[in-house]
Amino acid sequence: MKIIMLGAPGAGKGTQAKMIAAKYEIPHISTGDIFRANIKNGTELGKKAKSYMDQGLLVPDELTCDLVVDRISQDDCAKGYILDGFPRTIPQAEALDRALEARGEKMDYAIDVDVADEVIVNRMGGRRCCVNCGMTYHVEFNAPKTEDVCDSCGEKLILRDDDKPETVQKRLNVYHEQTQPLIDFYSGKGILKSVDGTMDMNDVFAAIVKITEG
């Protein structure tokens, strides 16, 4: 099962992707996680990615396309995978289609987790991230056991620059301009499915499972 997760930054698609990956025992491939690992390790790619992410801009295609195709070629993707954060633009989607076609494969579903902008701005402002292990929390919906301390490794939690309201709105503007056309792209291919992302996360998950097992 090959799934693309769509939705604005903060819509909760990453959380859903993890839950689907666990249920079907397939890899959750997040370009965000790859970028964060590179940023933490201070690689050249990480420095480039950070300069864009700190401004609320999308990381350019050339830094992502080859990386993703290489990842889905690995053995653990034989039963399928979930792409989270890629593709972000029509050219990326077309490049992915070409790469899959060359392998005799195609995507099964593009699932759009639909949430209004104002809900996202409020949600993201409550997110906290562990600078050490990358675990994410939310002060309202998924609070750590101890305020501002990571449950997993005990390090301090922070509000990332790209979760601050002004940066979130900029990211949403970029999303609507560059990424939302993917909704039409995958709708035209007949694989787009939409779920209401404002529901409880377990209800969102149930709605996605109903689609994949429908």
N, C-alpha and C. Protein backbone atom coordinates (compact mmCIF):
# COMPACT_ATOMS: atom_id res chain seq x y z
N MET A 1 0.84 -1.19 0.00
CA MET A 1 0.00 0.00 0.00
C MET A 1 0.88 1.25 0.00
N LYS A 2 0.70 2.06 -1.01
CA LYS A 2 1.52 3.27 -1.15
C LYS A 2 0.61 4.49 -1.00
N ILE A 3 0.89 5.29 0.02
CA ILE A 3 0.01 6.41 0.38
C ILE A 3 0.80 7.71 0.42
N ILE A 4 0.20 8.77 -0.12
CA ILE A 4 0.74 10.13 0.03
C ILE A 4 -0.17 10.87 1.00
N MET A 5 0.41 11.48 2.03
CA MET A 5 -0.37 12.29 2.96
C MET A 5 -0.31 13.75 2.53
N LEU A 6 -1.48 14.35 2.35
CA LEU A 6 -1.58 15.76 1.99
C LEU A 6 -2.25 16.53 3.13
N GLY A 7 -2.04 17.84 3.14
CA GLY A 7 -2.63 18.68 4.18
C GLY A 7 -1.66 19.78 4.53
N ALA A 8 -2.20 20.89 5.00
CA ALA A 8 -1.36 22.04 5.35
C ALA A 8 -0.45 21.71 6.52
N PRO A 9 0.65 22.48 6.69
CA PRO A 9 1.51 22.29 7.87
C PRO A 9 0.67 22.41 9.14
N GLY A 10 0.76 21.44 10.02
CA GLY A 10 0.00 21.48 11.27
C GLY A 10 -1.37 20.85 11.20
N ALA A 11 -1.72 20.26 10.03
CA ALA A 11 -3.04 19.63 9.89
C ALA A 11 -3.12 18.29 10.63
N GLY A 12 -1.95 17.76 11.01
CA GLY A 12 -1.93 16.49 11.75
C GLY A 12 -1.63 15.29 10.87
N LYS A 13 -1.19 15.55 9.65
CA LYS A 13 -0.95 14.43 8.72
C LYS A 13 0.22 13.56 9.18
N GLY A 14 1.21 14.16 9.85
CA GLY A 14 2.35 13.38 10.35
C GLY A 14 1.93 12.38 11.41
N THR A 15 1.07 12.81 12.32
CA THR A 15 0.55 11.92 13.37
C THR A 15 -0.22 10.76 12.75
N GLN A 16 -1.07 11.08 11.77
CA GLN A 16 -1.86 10.04 11.10
C GLN A 16 -0.95 9.08 10.34
N ALA A 17 0.08 9.64 9.68
CA ALA A 17 1.01 8.80 8.92
C ALA A 17 1.68 7.77 9.82
N LYS A 18 2.08 8.20 11.04
CA LYS A 18 2.71 7.28 12.00
C LYS A 18 1.75 6.16 12.40
N MET A 19 0.48 6.53 12.62
CA MET A 19 -0.52 5.54 13.05
C MET A 19 -0.81 4.53 11.93
N ILE A 20 -0.88 5.02 10.70
CA ILE A 20 -1.12 4.12 9.56
C ILE A 20 0.08 3.19 9.37
N ALA A 21 1.28 3.78 9.48
CA ALA A 21 2.51 2.99 9.31
C ALA A 21 2.56 1.84 10.33
N ALA A 22 2.17 2.14 11.58
CA ALA A 22 2.17 1.12 12.63
C ALA A 22 1.14 0.04 12.33
N LYS A 23 -0.04 0.44 11.87
CA LYS A 23 -1.12 -0.53 11.61
C LYS A 23 -0.74 -1.48 10.47
N TYR A 24 -0.18 -0.94 9.41
CA TYR A 24 0.09 -1.77 8.22
C TYR A 24 1.55 -2.25 8.14
N GLU A 25 2.36 -1.85 9.15
CA GLU A 25 3.77 -2.26 9.22
C GLU A 25 4.53 -1.89 7.94
N ILE A 26 4.37 -0.62 7.57
CA ILE A 26 5.11 -0.07 6.42
C ILE A 26 5.81 1.20 6.88
N PRO A 27 6.91 1.60 6.21
CA PRO A 27 7.67 2.76 6.67
C PRO A 27 6.91 4.08 6.49
N HIS A 28 7.08 4.96 7.48
CA HIS A 28 6.59 6.33 7.40
C HIS A 28 7.78 7.19 6.97
N ILE A 29 7.72 7.69 5.75
CA ILE A 29 8.85 8.43 5.20
C ILE A 29 8.54 9.92 5.23
N SER A 30 9.16 10.63 6.15
CA SER A 30 8.93 12.06 6.31
C SER A 30 10.17 12.84 5.91
N THR A 31 10.02 13.69 4.91
CA THR A 31 11.16 14.52 4.51
C THR A 31 11.53 15.46 5.66
N GLY A 32 10.53 15.86 6.45
CA GLY A 32 10.81 16.72 7.59
C GLY A 32 11.78 16.07 8.57
N ASP A 33 11.56 14.78 8.85
CA ASP A 33 12.46 14.05 9.75
C ASP A 33 13.87 13.97 9.17
N ILE A 34 13.95 13.72 7.84
CA ILE A 34 15.26 13.64 7.18
C ILE A 34 15.98 14.98 7.30
N PHE A 35 15.24 16.06 7.05
CA PHE A 35 15.85 17.40 7.14
C PHE A 35 16.30 17.69 8.57
N ARG A 36 15.43 17.37 9.56
CA ARG A 36 15.78 17.66 10.95
C ARG A 36 17.02 16.90 11.39
N ALA A 37 17.14 15.64 10.93
CA ALA A 37 18.33 14.85 11.28
C ALA A 37 19.58 15.49 10.71
N ASN A 38 19.46 15.99 9.47
CA ASN A 38 20.61 16.65 8.84
C ASN A 38 20.94 17.98 9.53
N ILE A 39 19.90 18.69 9.95
CA ILE A 39 20.12 19.97 10.65
C ILE A 39 20.82 19.71 11.98
N LYS A 40 20.32 18.70 12.72
CA LYS A 40 20.91 18.37 14.02
C LYS A 40 22.38 17.98 13.87
N ASN A 41 22.69 17.24 12.80
CA ASN A 41 24.06 16.77 12.58
C ASN A 41 24.94 17.80 11.87
N GLY A 42 24.35 18.95 11.52
CA GLY A 42 25.13 20.04 10.94
C GLY A 42 25.67 19.77 9.55
N THR A 43 24.96 18.90 8.79
CA THR A 43 25.44 18.60 7.44
C THR A 43 25.20 19.79 6.52
N GLU A 44 25.83 19.75 5.36
CA GLU A 44 25.66 20.82 4.37
C GLU A 44 24.20 20.90 3.94
N LEU A 45 23.58 19.73 3.70
CA LEU A 45 22.16 19.68 3.33
C LEU A 45 21.31 20.27 4.45
N GLY A 46 21.65 19.93 5.69
CA GLY A 46 20.92 20.45 6.84
C GLY A 46 20.98 21.96 6.94
N LYS A 47 22.16 22.51 6.71
CA LYS A 47 22.32 23.98 6.77
C LYS A 47 21.47 24.67 5.69
N LYS A 48 21.48 24.07 4.49
CA LYS A 48 20.68 24.64 3.39
C LYS A 48 19.19 24.55 3.72
N ALA A 49 18.77 23.35 4.18
CA ALA A 49 17.35 23.15 4.50
C ALA A 49 16.90 24.11 5.60
N LYS A 50 17.74 24.29 6.62
CA LYS A 50 17.39 25.15 7.76
C LYS A 50 17.18 26.60 7.33
N SER A 51 18.01 27.05 6.38
CA SER A 51 17.89 28.45 5.94
C SER A 51 16.52 28.71 5.30
N TYR A 52 15.97 27.68 4.64
CA TYR A 52 14.64 27.82 4.06
C TYR A 52 13.56 27.66 5.12
N MET A 53 13.68 26.61 5.95
CA MET A 53 12.65 26.31 6.95
C MET A 53 12.48 27.44 7.96
N ASP A 54 13.59 28.08 8.35
CA ASP A 54 13.52 29.18 9.33
C ASP A 54 12.73 30.36 8.78
N GLN A 55 12.69 30.48 7.46
CA GLN A 55 11.93 31.57 6.84
C GLN A 55 10.50 31.15 6.50
N GLY A 56 10.17 29.88 6.83
CA GLY A 56 8.84 29.38 6.50
C GLY A 56 8.67 29.05 5.04
N LEU A 57 9.79 28.84 4.34
CA LEU A 57 9.74 28.53 2.91
C LEU A 57 9.93 27.03 2.68
N LEU A 58 9.51 26.57 1.51
CA LEU A 58 9.69 25.16 1.16
C LEU A 58 11.13 24.90 0.73
N VAL A 59 11.64 23.74 1.08
CA VAL A 59 12.98 23.32 0.65
C VAL A 59 12.91 22.99 -0.84
N PRO A 60 13.86 23.47 -1.65
CA PRO A 60 13.79 23.26 -3.11
C PRO A 60 13.79 21.79 -3.54
N ASP A 61 13.21 21.56 -4.70
CA ASP A 61 13.04 20.20 -5.23
C ASP A 61 14.33 19.41 -5.26
N GLU A 62 15.41 20.04 -5.73
CA GLU A 62 16.65 19.28 -5.93
C GLU A 62 17.23 18.72 -4.63
N LEU A 63 16.84 19.29 -3.49
CA LEU A 63 17.32 18.77 -2.20
C LEU A 63 16.48 17.58 -1.71
N THR A 64 15.38 17.32 -2.38
CA THR A 64 14.46 16.30 -1.87
C THR A 64 14.19 15.13 -2.81
N CYS A 65 14.04 15.37 -4.11
CA CYS A 65 13.57 14.33 -5.04
C CYS A 65 14.41 13.06 -5.01
N ASP A 66 15.72 13.19 -5.26
CA ASP A 66 16.58 12.01 -5.31
C ASP A 66 16.59 11.27 -3.97
N LEU A 67 16.56 12.05 -2.89
CA LEU A 67 16.57 11.47 -1.55
C LEU A 67 15.36 10.56 -1.32
N VAL A 68 14.19 11.03 -1.73
CA VAL A 68 12.96 10.25 -1.54
C VAL A 68 12.96 9.00 -2.41
N VAL A 69 13.32 9.14 -3.67
CA VAL A 69 13.33 7.99 -4.59
C VAL A 69 14.32 6.92 -4.09
N ASP A 70 15.46 7.36 -3.60
CA ASP A 70 16.43 6.42 -3.04
C ASP A 70 15.84 5.69 -1.83
N ARG A 71 15.09 6.44 -1.01
CA ARG A 71 14.51 5.85 0.22
C ARG A 71 13.47 4.78 -0.12
N ILE A 72 12.60 5.06 -1.11
CA ILE A 72 11.53 4.10 -1.41
C ILE A 72 12.06 2.89 -2.19
N SER A 73 13.34 2.96 -2.59
CA SER A 73 13.96 1.81 -3.27
C SER A 73 14.50 0.78 -2.28
N GLN A 74 14.50 1.12 -0.99
CA GLN A 74 15.07 0.22 0.02
C GLN A 74 14.13 -0.94 0.35
N ASP A 75 14.72 -2.02 0.85
CA ASP A 75 13.99 -3.28 1.06
C ASP A 75 12.75 -3.15 1.95
N ASP A 76 12.83 -2.27 2.96
CA ASP A 76 11.70 -2.19 3.89
C ASP A 76 10.45 -1.55 3.27
N CYS A 77 10.58 -1.05 2.03
CA CYS A 77 9.44 -0.44 1.35
C CYS A 77 8.74 -1.42 0.40
N ALA A 78 9.14 -2.69 0.44
CA ALA A 78 8.61 -3.68 -0.49
C ALA A 78 7.09 -3.84 -0.37
N LYS A 79 6.55 -3.72 0.88
CA LYS A 79 5.10 -3.87 1.08
C LYS A 79 4.35 -2.55 0.92
N GLY A 80 5.11 -1.47 0.75
CA GLY A 80 4.49 -0.15 0.64
C GLY A 80 5.13 0.84 1.59
N TYR A 81 4.58 2.06 1.62
CA TYR A 81 5.13 3.14 2.44
C TYR A 81 4.16 4.30 2.45
N ILE A 82 4.41 5.23 3.36
CA ILE A 82 3.62 6.45 3.46
C ILE A 82 4.56 7.63 3.28
N LEU A 83 4.27 8.47 2.31
CA LEU A 83 5.06 9.67 2.09
C LEU A 83 4.40 10.85 2.80
N ASP A 84 5.15 11.52 3.65
CA ASP A 84 4.64 12.62 4.46
C ASP A 84 5.54 13.84 4.23
N GLY A 85 5.02 14.84 3.54
CA GLY A 85 5.82 16.04 3.25
C GLY A 85 6.41 16.04 1.85
N PHE A 86 6.08 15.03 1.07
CA PHE A 86 6.54 14.93 -0.32
C PHE A 86 5.52 14.08 -1.07
N PRO A 87 5.14 14.49 -2.31
CA PRO A 87 5.55 15.71 -2.99
C PRO A 87 4.83 16.94 -2.44
N ARG A 88 5.47 18.09 -2.63
CA ARG A 88 4.90 19.36 -2.20
C ARG A 88 4.43 20.22 -3.37
N THR A 89 4.91 19.91 -4.56
CA THR A 89 4.58 20.71 -5.74
C THR A 89 4.24 19.78 -6.91
N ILE A 90 3.61 20.34 -7.94
CA ILE A 90 3.27 19.56 -9.13
C ILE A 90 4.54 18.98 -9.79
N PRO A 91 5.62 19.76 -9.98
CA PRO A 91 6.83 19.16 -10.56
C PRO A 91 7.36 17.98 -9.75
N GLN A 92 7.30 18.07 -8.41
CA GLN A 92 7.73 16.94 -7.58
C GLN A 92 6.81 15.74 -7.79
N ALA A 93 5.50 16.00 -7.88
CA ALA A 93 4.54 14.91 -8.08
C ALA A 93 4.77 14.23 -9.43
N GLU A 94 5.06 15.02 -10.43
CA GLU A 94 5.32 14.46 -11.76
C GLU A 94 6.61 13.66 -11.77
N ALA A 95 7.64 14.17 -11.06
CA ALA A 95 8.91 13.44 -10.97
C ALA A 95 8.71 12.11 -10.24
N LEU A 96 7.90 12.13 -9.19
CA LEU A 96 7.61 10.90 -8.44
C LEU A 96 6.88 9.89 -9.34
N ASP A 97 5.89 10.38 -10.09
CA ASP A 97 5.14 9.50 -11.00
C ASP A 97 6.08 8.83 -12.01
N ARG A 98 7.00 9.61 -12.55
CA ARG A 98 7.96 9.06 -13.54
C ARG A 98 8.84 7.99 -12.90
N ALA A 99 9.31 8.28 -11.69
CA ALA A 99 10.18 7.33 -10.98
C ALA A 99 9.43 6.04 -10.68
N LEU A 100 8.17 6.16 -10.25
CA LEU A 100 7.37 4.97 -9.94
C LEU A 100 7.05 4.19 -11.21
N GLU A 101 6.73 4.91 -12.27
CA GLU A 101 6.40 4.26 -13.55
C GLU A 101 7.58 3.42 -14.04
N ALA A 102 8.79 3.96 -13.85
CA ALA A 102 10.00 3.24 -14.27
C ALA A 102 10.17 1.95 -13.48
N ARG A 103 9.57 1.90 -12.28
CA ARG A 103 9.65 0.71 -11.43
C ARG A 103 8.41 -0.17 -11.58
N GLY A 104 7.50 0.23 -12.48
CA GLY A 104 6.25 -0.52 -12.66
C GLY A 104 5.30 -0.38 -11.49
N GLU A 105 5.34 0.80 -10.81
CA GLU A 105 4.52 1.02 -9.62
C GLU A 105 3.70 2.29 -9.77
N LYS A 106 2.71 2.47 -8.87
CA LYS A 106 1.98 3.72 -8.78
C LYS A 106 1.45 3.88 -7.36
N MET A 107 1.10 5.11 -7.00
CA MET A 107 0.53 5.37 -5.68
C MET A 107 -0.89 4.83 -5.62
N ASP A 108 -1.32 4.37 -4.42
CA ASP A 108 -2.68 3.87 -4.24
C ASP A 108 -3.64 4.97 -3.79
N TYR A 109 -3.20 5.79 -2.83
CA TYR A 109 -4.06 6.85 -2.30
C TYR A 109 -3.28 8.12 -2.04
N ALA A 110 -3.95 9.26 -2.25
CA ALA A 110 -3.46 10.55 -1.75
C ALA A 110 -4.53 11.01 -0.77
N ILE A 111 -4.19 11.04 0.52
CA ILE A 111 -5.18 11.35 1.56
C ILE A 111 -4.96 12.77 2.08
N ASP A 112 -5.98 13.60 1.90
CA ASP A 112 -5.91 15.00 2.31
C ASP A 112 -6.54 15.17 3.69
N VAL A 113 -5.72 15.58 4.68
CA VAL A 113 -6.24 15.89 6.01
C VAL A 113 -6.60 17.37 6.02
N ASP A 114 -7.89 17.66 5.97
CA ASP A 114 -8.39 19.01 5.71
C ASP A 114 -8.67 19.78 7.01
N VAL A 115 -7.96 20.91 7.21
CA VAL A 115 -8.13 21.75 8.41
C VAL A 115 -8.02 23.22 8.00
N ALA A 116 -8.90 24.07 8.54
CA ALA A 116 -8.88 25.51 8.22
C ALA A 116 -7.63 26.20 8.78
N ASP A 117 -7.20 27.26 8.10
CA ASP A 117 -5.98 27.98 8.49
C ASP A 117 -5.98 28.44 9.94
N GLU A 118 -7.10 29.06 10.39
CA GLU A 118 -7.10 29.63 11.74
C GLU A 118 -6.95 28.55 12.81
N VAL A 119 -7.47 27.37 12.54
CA VAL A 119 -7.32 26.24 13.48
C VAL A 119 -5.85 25.83 13.55
N ILE A 120 -5.20 25.82 12.39
CA ILE A 120 -3.78 25.42 12.32
C ILE A 120 -2.89 26.40 13.08
N VAL A 121 -3.13 27.71 12.91
CA VAL A 121 -2.30 28.72 13.60
C VAL A 121 -2.38 28.51 15.11
N ASN A 122 -3.58 28.24 15.63
CA ASN A 122 -3.76 27.99 17.06
C ASN A 122 -3.08 26.70 17.49
N ARG A 123 -3.20 25.67 16.66
CA ARG A 123 -2.59 24.37 16.97
C ARG A 123 -1.07 24.47 17.04
N MET A 124 -0.48 25.09 16.02
CA MET A 124 0.99 25.10 15.91
C MET A 124 1.62 25.90 17.03
N GLY A 125 0.94 26.96 17.48
CA GLY A 125 1.48 27.77 18.57
C GLY A 125 1.62 26.98 19.86
N GLY A 126 0.88 25.85 19.95
CA GLY A 126 0.96 25.01 21.16
C GLY A 126 1.93 23.85 21.03
N ARG A 127 2.57 23.72 19.86
CA ARG A 127 3.50 22.60 19.66
C ARG A 127 4.82 22.85 20.38
N ARG A 128 5.39 21.78 20.91
CA ARG A 128 6.71 21.85 21.53
C ARG A 128 7.53 20.68 20.99
N CYS A 129 8.81 20.95 20.73
CA CYS A 129 9.68 19.97 20.10
C CYS A 129 10.91 19.74 20.97
N CYS A 130 11.35 18.48 21.06
CA CYS A 130 12.58 18.16 21.77
C CYS A 130 13.76 18.36 20.84
N VAL A 131 14.70 19.23 21.25
CA VAL A 131 15.86 19.52 20.41
C VAL A 131 16.82 18.32 20.34
N ASN A 132 16.67 17.40 21.28
CA ASN A 132 17.59 16.26 21.33
C ASN A 132 17.12 15.08 20.48
N CYS A 133 15.88 14.59 20.73
CA CYS A 133 15.44 13.37 20.03
C CYS A 133 14.38 13.60 18.97
N GLY A 134 13.85 14.85 18.89
CA GLY A 134 12.89 15.17 17.82
C GLY A 134 11.44 14.87 18.14
N MET A 135 11.15 14.32 19.34
CA MET A 135 9.76 14.05 19.73
C MET A 135 8.98 15.36 19.76
N THR A 136 7.70 15.30 19.34
CA THR A 136 6.87 16.51 19.37
C THR A 136 5.68 16.32 20.30
N TYR A 137 5.26 17.41 20.92
CA TYR A 137 4.15 17.41 21.87
C TYR A 137 3.26 18.61 21.56
N HIS A 138 2.13 18.68 22.27
CA HIS A 138 1.26 19.86 22.18
C HIS A 138 0.75 20.17 23.58
N VAL A 139 0.81 21.44 23.95
CA VAL A 139 0.46 21.82 25.33
C VAL A 139 -0.99 21.46 25.67
N GLU A 140 -1.87 21.38 24.65
CA GLU A 140 -3.28 21.09 24.90
C GLU A 140 -3.64 19.65 24.55
N PHE A 141 -3.20 19.18 23.36
CA PHE A 141 -3.68 17.89 22.85
C PHE A 141 -2.79 16.70 23.19
N ASN A 142 -1.51 16.96 23.43
CA ASN A 142 -0.57 15.86 23.66
C ASN A 142 0.56 16.35 24.56
N ALA A 143 0.20 16.76 25.76
CA ALA A 143 1.16 17.40 26.66
C ALA A 143 2.15 16.38 27.24
N PRO A 144 3.41 16.80 27.43
CA PRO A 144 4.36 15.92 28.11
C PRO A 144 3.97 15.76 29.58
N LYS A 145 4.47 14.72 30.22
CA LYS A 145 4.12 14.48 31.64
C LYS A 145 4.58 15.63 32.52
N THR A 146 5.78 16.16 32.21
CA THR A 146 6.30 17.32 32.93
C THR A 146 6.40 18.47 31.94
N GLU A 147 5.88 19.64 32.32
CA GLU A 147 5.85 20.78 31.40
C GLU A 147 7.24 21.10 30.84
N ASP A 148 7.30 21.22 29.50
CA ASP A 148 8.52 21.59 28.78
C ASP A 148 9.69 20.61 28.95
N VAL A 149 9.39 19.34 29.33
CA VAL A 149 10.43 18.32 29.44
C VAL A 149 10.00 17.10 28.61
N CYS A 150 10.90 16.59 27.78
CA CYS A 150 10.60 15.46 26.91
C CYS A 150 10.39 14.17 27.71
N ASP A 151 9.27 13.48 27.47
CA ASP A 151 9.00 12.20 28.14
C ASP A 151 10.05 11.15 27.76
N SER A 152 10.53 11.24 26.53
CA SER A 152 11.40 10.20 25.99
C SER A 152 12.84 10.29 26.51
N CYS A 153 13.41 11.52 26.48
CA CYS A 153 14.84 11.62 26.84
C CYS A 153 15.14 12.62 27.96
N GLY A 154 14.12 13.36 28.41
CA GLY A 154 14.31 14.26 29.54
C GLY A 154 14.91 15.62 29.21
N GLU A 155 15.12 15.87 27.89
CA GLU A 155 15.68 17.17 27.50
C GLU A 155 14.57 18.24 27.46
N LYS A 156 15.00 19.51 27.35
CA LYS A 156 14.06 20.65 27.34
C LYS A 156 13.29 20.71 26.02
N LEU A 157 12.01 21.05 26.10
CA LEU A 157 11.19 21.23 24.90
C LEU A 157 11.15 22.71 24.52
N ILE A 158 11.08 22.98 23.22
CA ILE A 158 11.06 24.37 22.75
C ILE A 158 9.91 24.60 21.77
N LEU A 159 9.54 25.88 21.61
CA LEU A 159 8.65 26.29 20.52
C LEU A 159 9.56 26.64 19.35
N ARG A 160 9.50 25.82 18.30
CA ARG A 160 10.38 26.05 17.15
C ARG A 160 10.01 27.34 16.44
N ASP A 161 11.02 27.97 15.84
CA ASP A 161 10.79 29.22 15.10
C ASP A 161 9.69 29.05 14.06
N ASP A 162 9.68 27.87 13.38
CA ASP A 162 8.69 27.71 12.32
C ASP A 162 7.31 27.31 12.84
N ASP A 163 7.12 27.30 14.19
CA ASP A 163 5.78 27.10 14.77
C ASP A 163 5.21 28.41 15.32
N LYS A 164 5.98 29.50 15.25
CA LYS A 164 5.50 30.80 15.73
C LYS A 164 4.43 31.34 14.75
N PRO A 165 3.37 32.02 15.28
CA PRO A 165 2.22 32.40 14.44
C PRO A 165 2.57 33.10 13.12
N GLU A 166 3.51 34.05 13.15
CA GLU A 166 3.82 34.78 11.92
C GLU A 166 4.46 33.88 10.87
N THR A 167 5.29 32.93 11.34
CA THR A 167 5.93 32.00 10.40
C THR A 167 4.92 30.98 9.90
N VAL A 168 4.01 30.54 10.79
CA VAL A 168 2.99 29.58 10.39
C VAL A 168 2.12 30.15 9.27
N GLN A 169 1.72 31.42 9.42
CA GLN A 169 0.87 32.03 8.40
C GLN A 169 1.61 32.11 7.07
N LYS A 170 2.90 32.40 7.14
CA LYS A 170 3.69 32.46 5.90
C LYS A 170 3.76 31.07 5.26
N ARG A 171 3.96 30.05 6.10
CA ARG A 171 4.01 28.68 5.59
C ARG A 171 2.67 28.29 4.95
N LEU A 172 1.56 28.72 5.57
CA LEU A 172 0.24 28.41 5.02
C LEU A 172 0.04 29.09 3.67
N ASN A 173 0.51 30.34 3.56
CA ASN A 173 0.40 31.05 2.29
C ASN A 173 1.17 30.32 1.19
N VAL A 174 2.38 29.85 1.54
CA VAL A 174 3.20 29.10 0.59
C VAL A 174 2.50 27.79 0.22
N TYR A 175 1.90 27.14 1.23
CA TYR A 175 1.19 25.88 1.00
C TYR A 175 0.06 26.07 -0.02
N HIS A 176 -0.76 27.10 0.23
CA HIS A 176 -1.92 27.32 -0.66
C HIS A 176 -1.47 27.63 -2.09
N GLU A 177 -0.37 28.33 -2.20
CA GLU A 177 0.12 28.72 -3.52
C GLU A 177 0.76 27.54 -4.26
N GLN A 178 1.60 26.76 -3.57
CA GLN A 178 2.42 25.77 -4.25
C GLN A 178 1.94 24.33 -4.09
N THR A 179 1.37 24.01 -2.93
CA THR A 179 1.07 22.61 -2.63
C THR A 179 -0.39 22.25 -2.85
N GLN A 180 -1.31 23.17 -2.60
CA GLN A 180 -2.72 22.84 -2.74
C GLN A 180 -3.09 22.38 -4.16
N PRO A 181 -2.42 22.85 -5.23
CA PRO A 181 -2.72 22.32 -6.56
C PRO A 181 -2.60 20.79 -6.65
N LEU A 182 -1.86 20.17 -5.70
CA LEU A 182 -1.76 18.71 -5.69
C LEU A 182 -3.12 18.05 -5.45
N ILE A 183 -4.01 18.77 -4.75
CA ILE A 183 -5.37 18.25 -4.51
C ILE A 183 -6.03 17.97 -5.86
N ASP A 184 -5.95 18.97 -6.76
CA ASP A 184 -6.54 18.80 -8.10
C ASP A 184 -5.79 17.73 -8.90
N PHE A 185 -4.45 17.70 -8.75
CA PHE A 185 -3.61 16.76 -9.49
C PHE A 185 -4.01 15.31 -9.18
N TYR A 186 -4.11 15.01 -7.88
CA TYR A 186 -4.43 13.62 -7.48
C TYR A 186 -5.92 13.32 -7.62
N SER A 187 -6.76 14.34 -7.55
CA SER A 187 -8.17 14.15 -7.82
C SER A 187 -8.36 13.71 -9.27
N GLY A 188 -7.58 14.35 -10.17
CA GLY A 188 -7.64 14.00 -11.59
C GLY A 188 -7.18 12.57 -11.85
N LYS A 189 -6.33 12.06 -10.99
CA LYS A 189 -5.84 10.67 -11.14
C LYS A 189 -6.77 9.66 -10.46
N GLY A 190 -7.78 10.19 -9.76
CA GLY A 190 -8.77 9.31 -9.14
C GLY A 190 -8.34 8.66 -7.84
N ILE A 191 -7.24 9.17 -7.22
CA ILE A 191 -6.78 8.53 -5.98
C ILE A 191 -6.90 9.44 -4.75
N LEU A 192 -7.47 10.65 -4.94
CA LEU A 192 -7.60 11.58 -3.81
C LEU A 192 -8.75 11.20 -2.89
N LYS A 193 -8.47 11.18 -1.58
CA LYS A 193 -9.51 10.97 -0.56
C LYS A 193 -9.32 12.06 0.49
N SER A 194 -10.42 12.63 0.98
CA SER A 194 -10.32 13.72 1.95
C SER A 194 -10.96 13.33 3.27
N VAL A 195 -10.31 13.72 4.39
CA VAL A 195 -10.89 13.48 5.72
C VAL A 195 -10.88 14.78 6.51
N ASP A 196 -11.83 14.91 7.43
CA ASP A 196 -11.95 16.11 8.26
C ASP A 196 -10.91 16.05 9.38
N GLY A 197 -9.87 16.88 9.28
CA GLY A 197 -8.77 16.86 10.24
C GLY A 197 -9.06 17.56 11.55
N THR A 198 -10.27 18.16 11.70
CA THR A 198 -10.59 18.83 12.96
C THR A 198 -11.18 17.86 13.99
N MET A 199 -11.46 16.62 13.56
CA MET A 199 -11.98 15.61 14.50
C MET A 199 -10.88 15.16 15.46
N ASP A 200 -11.28 14.43 16.50
CA ASP A 200 -10.31 13.78 17.39
C ASP A 200 -9.40 12.90 16.53
N MET A 201 -8.11 12.83 16.91
CA MET A 201 -7.15 12.15 16.03
C MET A 201 -7.50 10.67 15.82
N ASN A 202 -8.15 10.04 16.80
CA ASN A 202 -8.55 8.64 16.63
C ASN A 202 -9.69 8.51 15.62
N ASP A 203 -10.57 9.53 15.59
CA ASP A 203 -11.66 9.54 14.60
C ASP A 203 -11.12 9.79 13.20
N VAL A 204 -10.11 10.65 13.10
CA VAL A 204 -9.46 10.89 11.80
C VAL A 204 -8.83 9.59 11.31
N PHE A 205 -8.15 8.90 12.22
CA PHE A 205 -7.50 7.63 11.88
C PHE A 205 -8.55 6.61 11.41
N ALA A 206 -9.67 6.52 12.12
CA ALA A 206 -10.72 5.58 11.74
C ALA A 206 -11.25 5.88 10.34
N ALA A 207 -11.37 7.17 10.03
CA ALA A 207 -11.86 7.58 8.70
C ALA A 207 -10.87 7.17 7.62
N ILE A 208 -9.57 7.26 7.93
CA ILE A 208 -8.53 6.87 6.95
C ILE A 208 -8.54 5.36 6.75
N VAL A 209 -8.65 4.61 7.84
CA VAL A 209 -8.69 3.14 7.75
C VAL A 209 -9.89 2.70 6.92
N LYS A 210 -11.02 3.39 7.09
CA LYS A 210 -12.22 3.07 6.31
C LYS A 210 -11.95 3.24 4.81
N ILE A 211 -11.15 4.27 4.47
CA ILE A 211 -10.78 4.50 3.07
C ILE A 211 -9.87 3.38 2.56
N THR A 212 -8.83 3.06 3.33
CA THR A 212 -7.83 2.08 2.86
C THR A 212 -8.37 0.65 2.85
N GLU A 213 -9.40 0.41 3.66
CA GLU A 213 -9.96 -0.94 3.71
C GLU A 213 -11.36 -0.99 3.11
N GLY A 214 -11.76 0.14 2.50
CA GLY A 214 -13.10 0.25 1.94
C GLY A 214 -13.41 -0.71 0.84
